[in-house]
Each structure stands twice: as structure tokens, then as C-alpha cells.
Amino acid sequence: MIYQATFLFISGGEIAFILFIAIMVFGADKLPEIARGLGKGMRVLKDATNDIKHEITKSAENHGIDTDITKDIKKEISKVKDDLEDFTGSVKRKL
């Protein structure tokens, strides 16, 4: 089977077309500036969400709420994921 790499259900040709339109609209000299601004915006958003997570965790610990349950859930999920990868790996080799 041939697997085609897609990003958000967009093929390579569609990405190239979108980039072509972006260059036509904004110009080649403005695209790095726009990309830099988008990168900074994404970084600010990531930092804000990390701060919110930290504050929620800190508040939960101060009020005596057990936050270790999420670690247990993540551990179980990763265990199931590993088991599933082991199973699918053996199925892929037989095909």
C-alpha cells in the first residue's frame, strides 16, 4: 500500500497551491515577517496555557486534590498503546 503524507487532511499539492496564493497576495518579502509574527503568537499562546496548567495544578495541590490520578491514567494509556503497537507490529509483518 502507498501512504500519502497529509497535514490536516491537506495534500502536498494543496499546500503548494495555498503557499502560491499567499505569495501572490502578500509578496515574498512579507511572508517571513508574517511567519515570524505567527510563531511569536503561537509561543505566547503556549506559554499562557502552560501558566494556566501550572496554576490549576498548584491550586489543586493547595486544596488537597489528588493530581496523581492523571499520571496513573497516562501510564495506563501508554501501556495500552504499547500493547496495541506490539499487536499491530506483528500483524504488519505478516502482511
PDB file of N, CA and C in Angstrom:
ATOM      1  N   MET A   1       0.832  -1.181   0.000  1.00  0.00           N
ATOM      2  CA  MET A   1       0.000   0.000   0.000  1.00  0.00           C
ATOM      3  C   MET A   1       0.875   1.242   0.000  1.00  0.00           C
ATOM      4  N   ILE A   2       0.408   2.283  -0.625  1.00  0.00           N
ATOM      5  CA  ILE A   2       1.114   3.553  -0.661  1.00  0.00           C
ATOM      6  C   ILE A   2       0.385   4.518   0.262  1.00  0.00           C
ATOM      7  N   TYR A   3       1.142   5.043   1.227  1.00  0.00           N
ATOM      8  CA  TYR A   3       0.570   6.020   2.146  1.00  0.00           C
ATOM      9  C   TYR A   3       1.054   7.399   1.742  1.00  0.00           C
ATOM     10  N   GLN A   4       0.123   8.331   1.633  1.00  0.00           N
ATOM     11  CA  GLN A   4       0.469   9.685   1.257  1.00  0.00           C
ATOM     12  C   GLN A   4       0.440  10.550   2.510  1.00  0.00           C
ATOM     13  N   ALA A   5       1.501  11.286   2.738  1.00  0.00           N
ATOM     14  CA  ALA A   5       1.581  12.147   3.912  1.00  0.00           C
ATOM     15  C   ALA A   5       0.637  13.329   3.733  1.00  0.00           C
ATOM     16  N   THR A   6      -0.196  13.558   4.730  1.00  0.00           N
ATOM     17  CA  THR A   6      -1.093  14.700   4.696  1.00  0.00           C
ATOM     18  C   THR A   6      -1.001  15.437   6.013  1.00  0.00           C
ATOM     19  N   PHE A   7      -1.264  16.704   5.978  1.00  0.00           N
ATOM     20  CA  PHE A   7      -1.279  17.540   7.164  1.00  0.00           C
ATOM     21  C   PHE A   7      -2.660  18.162   7.263  1.00  0.00           C
ATOM     22  N   LEU A   8      -3.393  17.767   8.292  1.00  0.00           N
ATOM     23  CA  LEU A   8      -4.758  18.247   8.493  1.00  0.00           C
ATOM     24  C   LEU A   8      -5.627  17.956   7.269  1.00  0.00           C
ATOM     25  N   PHE A   9      -5.468  16.790   6.708  1.00  0.00           N
ATOM     26  CA  PHE A   9      -6.238  16.311   5.565  1.00  0.00           C
ATOM     27  C   PHE A   9      -6.026  17.170   4.323  1.00  0.00           C
ATOM     28  N   ILE A  10      -4.843  17.787   4.224  1.00  0.00           N
ATOM     29  CA  ILE A  10      -4.490  18.590   3.061  1.00  0.00           C
ATOM     30  C   ILE A  10      -3.310  17.910   2.387  1.00  0.00           C
ATOM     31  N   SER A  11      -3.409  17.672   1.108  1.00  0.00           N
ATOM     32  CA  SER A  11      -2.317  17.004   0.393  1.00  0.00           C
ATOM     33  C   SER A  11      -1.205  17.996   0.066  1.00  0.00           C
ATOM     34  N   GLY A  12      -0.098  17.468  -0.433  1.00  0.00           N
ATOM     35  CA  GLY A  12       1.047  18.300  -0.774  1.00  0.00           C
ATOM     36  C   GLY A  12       0.743  19.315  -1.856  1.00  0.00           C
ATOM     37  N   GLY A  13      -0.040  18.899  -2.848  1.00  0.00           N
ATOM     38  CA  GLY A  13      -0.404  19.820  -3.924  1.00  0.00           C
ATOM     39  C   GLY A  13      -1.251  20.981  -3.426  1.00  0.00           C
ATOM     40  N   GLU A  14      -2.146  20.693  -2.499  1.00  0.00           N
ATOM     41  CA  GLU A  14      -2.990  21.752  -1.945  1.00  0.00           C
ATOM     42  C   GLU A  14      -2.168  22.723  -1.100  1.00  0.00           C
ATOM     43  N   ILE A  15      -1.187  22.192  -0.363  1.00  0.00           N
ATOM     44  CA  ILE A  15      -0.314  23.066   0.427  1.00  0.00           C
ATOM     45  C   ILE A  15       0.486  23.972  -0.498  1.00  0.00           C
ATOM     46  N   ALA A  16       1.001  23.408  -1.592  1.00  0.00           N
ATOM     47  CA  ALA A  16       1.763  24.206  -2.551  1.00  0.00           C
ATOM     48  C   ALA A  16       0.884  25.299  -3.156  1.00  0.00           C
ATOM     49  N   PHE A  17      -0.356  24.971  -3.457  1.00  0.00           N
ATOM     50  CA  PHE A  17      -1.280  25.959  -4.019  1.00  0.00           C
ATOM     51  C   PHE A  17      -1.563  27.077  -3.016  1.00  0.00           C
ATOM     52  N   ILE A  18      -1.755  26.721  -1.753  1.00  0.00           N
ATOM     53  CA  ILE A  18      -2.003  27.723  -0.715  1.00  0.00           C
ATOM     54  C   ILE A  18      -0.786  28.629  -0.555  1.00  0.00           C
ATOM     55  N   LEU A  19       0.423  28.048  -0.572  1.00  0.00           N
ATOM     56  CA  LEU A  19       1.633  28.866  -0.485  1.00  0.00           C
ATOM     57  C   LEU A  19       1.766  29.790  -1.691  1.00  0.00           C
ATOM     58  N   PHE A  20       1.423  29.298  -2.872  1.00  0.00           N
ATOM     59  CA  PHE A  20       1.466  30.121  -4.076  1.00  0.00           C
ATOM     60  C   PHE A  20       0.526  31.315  -3.947  1.00  0.00           C
ATOM     61  N   ILE A  21      -0.686  31.068  -3.476  1.00  0.00           N
ATOM     62  CA  ILE A  21      -1.662  32.152  -3.293  1.00  0.00           C
ATOM     63  C   ILE A  21      -1.164  33.135  -2.238  1.00  0.00           C
ATOM     64  N   ALA A  22      -0.572  32.623  -1.154  1.00  0.00           N
ATOM     65  CA  ALA A  22      -0.051  33.506  -0.103  1.00  0.00           C
ATOM     66  C   ALA A  22       1.055  34.409  -0.649  1.00  0.00           C
ATOM     67  N   ILE A  23       1.922  33.850  -1.482  1.00  0.00           N
ATOM     68  CA  ILE A  23       2.988  34.661  -2.083  1.00  0.00           C
ATOM     69  C   ILE A  23       2.394  35.703  -3.013  1.00  0.00           C
ATOM     70  N   MET A  24       1.364  35.333  -3.759  1.00  0.00           N
ATOM     71  CA  MET A  24       0.721  36.281  -4.672  1.00  0.00           C
ATOM     72  C   MET A  24       0.053  37.413  -3.894  1.00  0.00           C
ATOM     73  N   VAL A  25      -0.582  37.101  -2.777  1.00  0.00           N
ATOM     74  CA  VAL A  25      -1.323  38.119  -2.024  1.00  0.00           C
ATOM     75  C   VAL A  25      -0.388  39.014  -1.212  1.00  0.00           C
ATOM     76  N   PHE A  26       0.527  38.416  -0.448  1.00  0.00           N
ATOM     77  CA  PHE A  26       1.349  39.186   0.474  1.00  0.00           C
ATOM     78  C   PHE A  26       2.701  39.579  -0.100  1.00  0.00           C
ATOM     79  N   GLY A  27       3.188  38.857  -1.064  1.00  0.00           N
ATOM     80  CA  GLY A  27       4.513  39.125  -1.612  1.00  0.00           C
ATOM     81  C   GLY A  27       5.566  38.333  -0.868  1.00  0.00           C
ATOM     82  N   ALA A  28       6.641  38.015  -1.566  1.00  0.00           N
ATOM     83  CA  ALA A  28       7.684  37.171  -1.000  1.00  0.00           C
ATOM     84  C   ALA A  28       8.424  37.863   0.137  1.00  0.00           C
ATOM     85  N   ASP A  29       8.508  39.179   0.122  1.00  0.00           N
ATOM     86  CA  ASP A  29       9.232  39.885   1.172  1.00  0.00           C
ATOM     87  C   ASP A  29       8.450  39.965   2.484  1.00  0.00           C
ATOM     88  N   LYS A  30       7.145  39.862   2.456  1.00  0.00           N
ATOM     89  CA  LYS A  30       6.327  39.953   3.675  1.00  0.00           C
ATOM     90  C   LYS A  30       6.099  38.601   4.347  1.00  0.00           C
ATOM     91  N   LEU A  31       6.255  37.495   3.621  1.00  0.00           N
ATOM     92  CA  LEU A  31       5.954  36.180   4.205  1.00  0.00           C
ATOM     93  C   LEU A  31       6.832  35.830   5.410  1.00  0.00           C
ATOM     94  N   PRO A  32       8.140  36.069   5.397  1.00  0.00           N
ATOM     95  CA  PRO A  32       8.922  35.768   6.604  1.00  0.00           C
ATOM     96  C   PRO A  32       8.472  36.581   7.817  1.00  0.00           C
ATOM     97  N   GLU A  33       8.097  37.832   7.583  1.00  0.00           N
ATOM     98  CA  GLU A  33       7.616  38.683   8.675  1.00  0.00           C
ATOM     99  C   GLU A  33       6.294  38.152   9.233  1.00  0.00           C
ATOM    100  N   ILE A  34       5.414  37.713   8.368  1.00  0.00           N
ATOM    101  CA  ILE A  34       4.135  37.143   8.799  1.00  0.00           C
ATOM    102  C   ILE A  34       4.369  35.841   9.559  1.00  0.00           C
ATOM    103  N   ALA A  35       5.253  35.004   9.043  1.00  0.00           N
ATOM    104  CA  ALA A  35       5.553  33.731   9.709  1.00  0.00           C
ATOM    105  C   ALA A  35       6.174  33.969  11.083  1.00  0.00           C
ATOM    106  N   ARG A  36       7.045  34.953  11.190  1.00  0.00           N
ATOM    107  CA  ARG A  36       7.656  35.286  12.470  1.00  0.00           C
ATOM    108  C   ARG A  36       6.590  35.745  13.468  1.00  0.00           C
ATOM    109  N   GLY A  37       5.671  36.555  13.010  1.00  0.00           N
ATOM    110  CA  GLY A  37       4.579  37.023  13.876  1.00  0.00           C
ATOM    111  C   GLY A  37       3.690  35.879  14.324  1.00  0.00           C
ATOM    112  N   LEU A  38       3.392  34.954  13.407  1.00  0.00           N
ATOM    113  CA  LEU A  38       2.587  33.786  13.778  1.00  0.00           C
ATOM    114  C   LEU A  38       3.329  32.911  14.780  1.00  0.00           C
ATOM    115  N   GLY A  39       4.626  32.764  14.590  1.00  0.00           N
ATOM    116  CA  GLY A  39       5.431  31.971  15.524  1.00  0.00           C
ATOM    117  C   GLY A  39       5.440  32.575  16.918  1.00  0.00           C
ATOM    118  N   LYS A  40       5.604  33.890  16.982  1.00  0.00           N
ATOM    119  CA  LYS A  40       5.584  34.565  18.283  1.00  0.00           C
ATOM    120  C   LYS A  40       4.213  34.432  18.940  1.00  0.00           C
ATOM    121  N   GLY A  41       3.174  34.543  18.149  1.00  0.00           N
ATOM    122  CA  GLY A  41       1.820  34.388  18.689  1.00  0.00           C
ATOM    123  C   GLY A  41       1.580  32.992  19.229  1.00  0.00           C
ATOM    124  N   MET A  42       2.051  31.987  18.508  1.00  0.00           N
ATOM    125  CA  MET A  42       1.905  30.607  18.976  1.00  0.00           C
ATOM    126  C   MET A  42       2.685  30.384  20.264  1.00  0.00           C
ATOM    127  N   ARG A  43       3.874  30.994  20.363  1.00  0.00           N
ATOM    128  CA  ARG A  43       4.691  30.859  21.567  1.00  0.00           C
ATOM    129  C   ARG A  43       4.008  31.506  22.771  1.00  0.00           C
ATOM    130  N   VAL A  44       3.421  32.677  22.575  1.00  0.00           N
ATOM    131  CA  VAL A  44       2.702  33.349  23.660  1.00  0.00           C
ATOM    132  C   VAL A  44       1.515  32.504  24.102  1.00  0.00           C
ATOM    133  N   LEU A  45       0.794  31.929  23.148  1.00  0.00           N
ATOM    134  CA  LEU A  45      -0.349  31.077  23.466  1.00  0.00           C
ATOM    135  C   LEU A  45       0.091  29.842  24.242  1.00  0.00           C
ATOM    136  N   LYS A  46       1.198  29.225  23.822  1.00  0.00           N
ATOM    137  CA  LYS A  46       1.709  28.042  24.515  1.00  0.00           C
ATOM    138  C   LYS A  46       2.138  28.388  25.936  1.00  0.00           C
ATOM    139  N   ASP A  47       2.828  29.516  26.100  1.00  0.00           N
ATOM    140  CA  ASP A  47       3.248  29.939  27.432  1.00  0.00           C
ATOM    141  C   ASP A  47       2.046  30.217  28.329  1.00  0.00           C
ATOM    142  N   ALA A  48       1.016  30.838  27.777  1.00  0.00           N
ATOM    143  CA  ALA A  48      -0.182  31.134  28.565  1.00  0.00           C
ATOM    144  C   ALA A  48      -0.878  29.851  29.004  1.00  0.00           C
ATOM    145  N   THR A  49      -0.984  28.872  28.115  1.00  0.00           N
ATOM    146  CA  THR A  49      -1.635  27.617  28.506  1.00  0.00           C
ATOM    147  C   THR A  49      -0.797  26.870  29.539  1.00  0.00           C
ATOM    148  N   ASN A  50       0.533  26.924  29.419  1.00  0.00           N
ATOM    149  CA  ASN A  50       1.379  26.290  30.432  1.00  0.00           C
ATOM    150  C   ASN A  50       1.228  26.976  31.787  1.00  0.00           C
ATOM    151  N   ASP A  51       1.118  28.313  31.794  1.00  0.00           N
ATOM    152  CA  ASP A  51       0.903  29.037  33.043  1.00  0.00           C
ATOM    153  C   ASP A  51      -0.433  28.663  33.677  1.00  0.00           C
ATOM    154  N   ILE A  52      -1.464  28.540  32.858  1.00  0.00           N
ATOM    155  CA  ILE A  52      -2.783  28.163  33.369  1.00  0.00           C
ATOM    156  C   ILE A  52      -2.743  26.753  33.945  1.00  0.00           C
ATOM    157  N   LYS A  53      -2.096  25.830  33.242  1.00  0.00           N
ATOM    158  CA  LYS A  53      -1.967  24.458  33.757  1.00  0.00           C
ATOM    159  C   LYS A  53      -1.235  24.442  35.088  1.00  0.00           C
ATOM    160  N   HIS A  54      -0.158  25.227  35.163  1.00  0.00           N
ATOM    161  CA  HIS A  54       0.623  25.277  36.394  1.00  0.00           C
ATOM    162  C   HIS A  54      -0.220  25.835  37.550  1.00  0.00           C
ATOM    163  N   GLU A  55      -0.972  26.890  37.297  1.00  0.00           N
ATOM    164  CA  GLU A  55      -1.815  27.482  38.337  1.00  0.00           C
ATOM    165  C   GLU A  55      -2.910  26.526  38.787  1.00  0.00           C
ATOM    166  N   ILE A  56      -3.506  25.808  37.859  1.00  0.00           N
ATOM    167  CA  ILE A  56      -4.552  24.839  38.219  1.00  0.00           C
ATOM    168  C   ILE A  56      -3.967  23.720  39.062  1.00  0.00           C
ATOM    169  N   THR A  57      -2.809  23.217  38.656  1.00  0.00           N
ATOM    170  CA  THR A  57      -2.158  22.145  39.421  1.00  0.00           C
ATOM    171  C   THR A  57      -1.772  22.630  40.808  1.00  0.00           C
ATOM    172  N   LYS A  58      -1.229  23.825  40.878  1.00  0.00           N
ATOM    173  CA  LYS A  58      -0.819  24.405  42.163  1.00  0.00           C
ATOM    174  C   LYS A  58      -2.027  24.603  43.078  1.00  0.00           C
ATOM    175  N   SER A  59      -3.107  25.107  42.525  1.00  0.00           N
ATOM    176  CA  SER A  59      -4.325  25.315  43.306  1.00  0.00           C
ATOM    177  C   SER A  59      -4.907  23.994  43.780  1.00  0.00           C
ATOM    178  N   ALA A  60      -4.887  22.996  42.914  1.00  0.00           N
ATOM    179  CA  ALA A  60      -5.418  21.680  43.292  1.00  0.00           C
ATOM    180  C   ALA A  60      -4.594  21.071  44.418  1.00  0.00           C
ATOM    181  N   GLU A  61      -3.273  21.211  44.341  1.00  0.00           N
ATOM    182  CA  GLU A  61      -2.413  20.678  45.400  1.00  0.00           C
ATOM    183  C   GLU A  61      -2.629  21.423  46.712  1.00  0.00           C
ATOM    184  N   ASN A  62      -2.851  22.731  46.645  1.00  0.00           N
ATOM    185  CA  ASN A  62      -3.104  23.517  47.857  1.00  0.00           C
ATOM    186  C   ASN A  62      -4.420  23.137  48.527  1.00  0.00           C
ATOM    187  N   HIS A  63      -5.402  22.728  47.747  1.00  0.00           N
ATOM    188  CA  HIS A  63      -6.703  22.338  48.284  1.00  0.00           C
ATOM    189  C   HIS A  63      -6.782  20.848  48.591  1.00  0.00           C
ATOM    190  N   GLY A  64      -5.679  20.140  48.435  1.00  0.00           N
ATOM    191  CA  GLY A  64      -5.643  18.726  48.791  1.00  0.00           C
ATOM    192  C   GLY A  64      -6.256  17.796  47.764  1.00  0.00           C
ATOM    193  N   ILE A  65      -6.397  18.250  46.541  1.00  0.00           N
ATOM    194  CA  ILE A  65      -6.943  17.403  45.474  1.00  0.00           C
ATOM    195  C   ILE A  65      -5.808  16.557  44.916  1.00  0.00           C
ATOM    196  N   ASP A  66      -6.079  15.267  44.759  1.00  0.00           N
ATOM    197  CA  ASP A  66      -5.058  14.337  44.269  1.00  0.00           C
ATOM    198  C   ASP A  66      -4.854  14.526  42.774  1.00  0.00           C
ATOM    199  N   THR A  67      -3.655  14.981  42.398  1.00  0.00           N
ATOM    200  CA  THR A  67      -3.341  15.180  40.983  1.00  0.00           C
ATOM    201  C   THR A  67      -2.586  13.997  40.405  1.00  0.00           C
ATOM    202  N   ASP A  68      -2.259  13.015  41.226  1.00  0.00           N
ATOM    203  CA  ASP A  68      -1.536  11.843  40.741  1.00  0.00           C
ATOM    204  C   ASP A  68      -2.418  10.940  39.886  1.00  0.00           C
ATOM    205  N   ILE A  69      -3.732  11.128  39.941  1.00  0.00           N
ATOM    206  CA  ILE A  69      -4.630  10.275  39.147  1.00  0.00           C
ATOM    207  C   ILE A  69      -4.371  10.470  37.656  1.00  0.00           C
ATOM    208  N   THR A  70      -4.007  11.675  37.250  1.00  0.00           N
ATOM    209  CA  THR A  70      -3.719  11.894  35.824  1.00  0.00           C
ATOM    210  C   THR A  70      -2.458  11.145  35.414  1.00  0.00           C
ATOM    211  N   LYS A  71      -1.485  11.061  36.307  1.00  0.00           N
ATOM    212  CA  LYS A  71      -0.267  10.313  35.992  1.00  0.00           C
ATOM    213  C   LYS A  71      -0.585   8.830  35.840  1.00  0.00           C
ATOM    214  N   ASP A  72      -1.485   8.321  36.706  1.00  0.00           N
ATOM    215  CA  ASP A  72      -1.879   6.918  36.598  1.00  0.00           C
ATOM    216  C   ASP A  72      -2.616   6.655  35.289  1.00  0.00           C
ATOM    217  N   ILE A  73      -3.478   7.568  34.910  1.00  0.00           N
ATOM    218  CA  ILE A  73      -4.223   7.415  33.660  1.00  0.00           C
ATOM    219  C   ILE A  73      -3.266   7.451  32.471  1.00  0.00           C
ATOM    220  N   LYS A  74      -2.314   8.381  32.482  1.00  0.00           N
ATOM    221  CA  LYS A  74      -1.340   8.457  31.388  1.00  0.00           C
ATOM    222  C   LYS A  74      -0.506   7.187  31.308  1.00  0.00           C
ATOM    223  N   LYS A  75      -0.162   6.628  32.469  1.00  0.00           N
ATOM    224  CA  LYS A  75       0.621   5.398  32.492  1.00  0.00           C
ATOM    225  C   LYS A  75      -0.175   4.244  31.887  1.00  0.00           C
ATOM    226  N   GLU A  76      -1.455   4.135  32.242  1.00  0.00           N
ATOM    227  CA  GLU A  76      -2.296   3.075  31.688  1.00  0.00           C
ATOM    228  C   GLU A  76      -2.499   3.250  30.189  1.00  0.00           C
ATOM    229  N   ILE A  77      -2.692   4.481  29.757  1.00  0.00           N
ATOM    230  CA  ILE A  77      -2.876   4.746  28.327  1.00  0.00           C
ATOM    231  C   ILE A  77      -1.619   4.371  27.553  1.00  0.00           C
ATOM    232  N   SER A  78      -0.449   4.727  28.086  1.00  0.00           N
ATOM    233  CA  SER A  78       0.785   4.383  27.381  1.00  0.00           C
ATOM    234  C   SER A  78       1.008   2.875  27.357  1.00  0.00           C
ATOM    235  N   LYS A  79       0.569   2.180  28.416  1.00  0.00           N
ATOM    236  CA  LYS A  79       0.696   0.729  28.439  1.00  0.00           C
ATOM    237  C   LYS A  79      -0.193   0.094  27.365  1.00  0.00           C
ATOM    238  N   VAL A  80      -1.425   0.572  27.256  1.00  0.00           N
ATOM    239  CA  VAL A  80      -2.330   0.062  26.226  1.00  0.00           C
ATOM    240  C   VAL A  80      -1.806   0.397  24.845  1.00  0.00           C
ATOM    241  N   LYS A  81      -1.252   1.596  24.686  1.00  0.00           N
ATOM    242  CA  LYS A  81      -0.689   1.997  23.400  1.00  0.00           C
ATOM    243  C   LYS A  81       0.472   1.093  23.005  1.00  0.00           C
ATOM    244  N   ASP A  82       1.340   0.795  23.958  1.00  0.00           N
ATOM    245  CA  ASP A  82       2.466  -0.109  23.671  1.00  0.00           C
ATOM    246  C   ASP A  82       1.983  -1.499  23.295  1.00  0.00           C
ATOM    247  N   ASP A  83       0.970  -2.008  24.029  1.00  0.00           N
ATOM    248  CA  ASP A  83       0.416  -3.321  23.697  1.00  0.00           C
ATOM    249  C   ASP A  83      -0.196  -3.321  22.302  1.00  0.00           C
ATOM    250  N   LEU A  84      -0.889  -2.243  21.970  1.00  0.00           N
ATOM    251  CA  LEU A  84      -1.506  -2.140  20.646  1.00  0.00           C
ATOM    252  C   LEU A  84      -0.444  -2.066  19.558  1.00  0.00           C
ATOM    253  N   GLU A  85       0.643  -1.330  19.804  1.00  0.00           N
ATOM    254  CA  GLU A  85       1.722  -1.250  18.821  1.00  0.00           C
ATOM    255  C   GLU A  85       2.400  -2.605  18.645  1.00  0.00           C
ATOM    256  N   ASP A  86       2.555  -3.361  19.743  1.00  0.00           N
ATOM    257  CA  ASP A  86       3.119  -4.705  19.631  1.00  0.00           C
ATOM    258  C   ASP A  86       2.226  -5.592  18.777  1.00  0.00           C
ATOM    259  N   PHE A  87       0.913  -5.498  18.993  1.00  0.00           N
ATOM    260  CA  PHE A  87      -0.027  -6.320  18.233  1.00  0.00           C
ATOM    261  C   PHE A  87      -0.052  -5.929  16.761  1.00  0.00           C
ATOM    262  N   THR A  88      -0.134  -4.615  16.490  1.00  0.00           N
ATOM    263  CA  THR A  88      -0.195  -4.176  15.085  1.00  0.00           C
ATOM    264  C   THR A  88       1.130  -4.433  14.385  1.00  0.00           C
ATOM    265  N   GLY A  89       2.232  -4.394  15.127  1.00  0.00           N
ATOM    266  CA  GLY A  89       3.537  -4.664  14.521  1.00  0.00           C
ATOM    267  C   GLY A  89       3.605  -6.089  14.019  1.00  0.00           C
ATOM    268  N   SER A  90       3.067  -7.032  14.811  1.00  0.00           N
ATOM    269  CA  SER A  90       3.092  -8.426  14.364  1.00  0.00           C
ATOM    270  C   SER A  90       2.139  -8.652  13.200  1.00  0.00           C
ATOM    271  N   VAL A  91       1.038  -7.911  13.169  1.00  0.00           N
ATOM    272  CA  VAL A  91       0.100  -8.048  12.059  1.00  0.00           C
ATOM    273  C   VAL A  91       0.714  -7.460  10.790  1.00  0.00           C
ATOM    274  N   LYS A  92       1.396  -6.321  10.900  1.00  0.00           N
ATOM    275  CA  LYS A  92       2.022  -5.710   9.725  1.00  0.00           C
ATOM    276  C   LYS A  92       3.104  -6.574   9.139  1.00  0.00           C
ATOM    277  N   ARG A  93       3.858  -7.286   9.993  1.00  0.00           N
ATOM    278  CA  ARG A  93       4.924  -8.134   9.489  1.00  0.00           C
ATOM    279  C   ARG A  93       4.373  -9.332   8.726  1.00  0.00           C
ATOM    280  N   LYS A  94       3.193  -9.823   9.109  1.00  0.00           N
ATOM    281  CA  LYS A  94       2.612 -10.982   8.443  1.00  0.00           C
ATOM    282  C   LYS A  94       2.025 -10.622   7.100  1.00  0.00           C
ATOM    283  N   LEU A  95       1.667  -9.359   6.911  1.00  0.00           N
ATOM    284  CA  LEU A  95       1.092  -8.951   5.645  1.00  0.00           C
ATOM    285  C   LEU A  95       2.205  -8.806   4.660  1.00  0.00           C
TER     286      LEU A  95
END
